[in-house]
Amino acid sequence: MDQKDFAETIIGLQNADLELRDKLISKGQLGEGYNQEMANLHNHNAEILDKIIDITGFPTVDKMGNEAAYAAWLVIQHSIGKPEFMKKCAELLEIEVKKKKADPRNLAYLTDRIATFENKPQLYGTQFDWDENGELSPNHFDDLKKVNQRRKSIGLNTLEQQTEIIRLQAKKENHPAPKDLLKRKNEMEQWKKSVGWTK
């Protein structure tokens, strides 16, 4: 396989992911826990991408083109059942960002997602979840002023602006808050333990 074949494979992984997400949204099944079909697809995609990365290195724009580089990031971002793979990719992506070969915003989203799953404060406020008022709010972060400074430094809007956008998007996609927030949080913590995010 050459780079073009790898690029097409990665784009195919992303498309399968997005098609399944659209299907679950249309059936109103996205908000209630981590759908098993989606979990299986995310794990499958991560395994394939991991093999590609071992052969080609991290899929950057100059190697794979814009579409495949973005698709790879999305597959990594969704590979939440594979903590070691996500952390490995974050390290590789950080190297590429330092070389100016990758988008620092992608690294911000990935490192925040890892921090959130490890129950640590996020640095950029990119990860959201439902709060007690039935609204989507940023997961735990260290300090609003610092978060907004970091966001500005990589070309992101303020956290306040992003919160409005995320909430509007949830309404547009008809993505309701979970019926039992406490149950969902407990299930999430158990799941984090089961896949190795927490002890």
Foldseek 3Di string as FASTA:
>chain_A
DALAVVLVVLLVLLVVLVVVVLVCLVVLNPADADDPVNLVSLQVSLVVLVVVCVVVNQDFCVRRNDSSNVSSLVSLLSNLLALVSLVVNLVSQVVCVVVVRHQVVSSLSSQQSLCVLLVHARQQQPDWAADPVFAIAGDHHDDQVRNQVVCVVRPHHHRVVVSVVVRVVCVVSVNGHDPDVVVNVVVSNVSSVVSPSYD
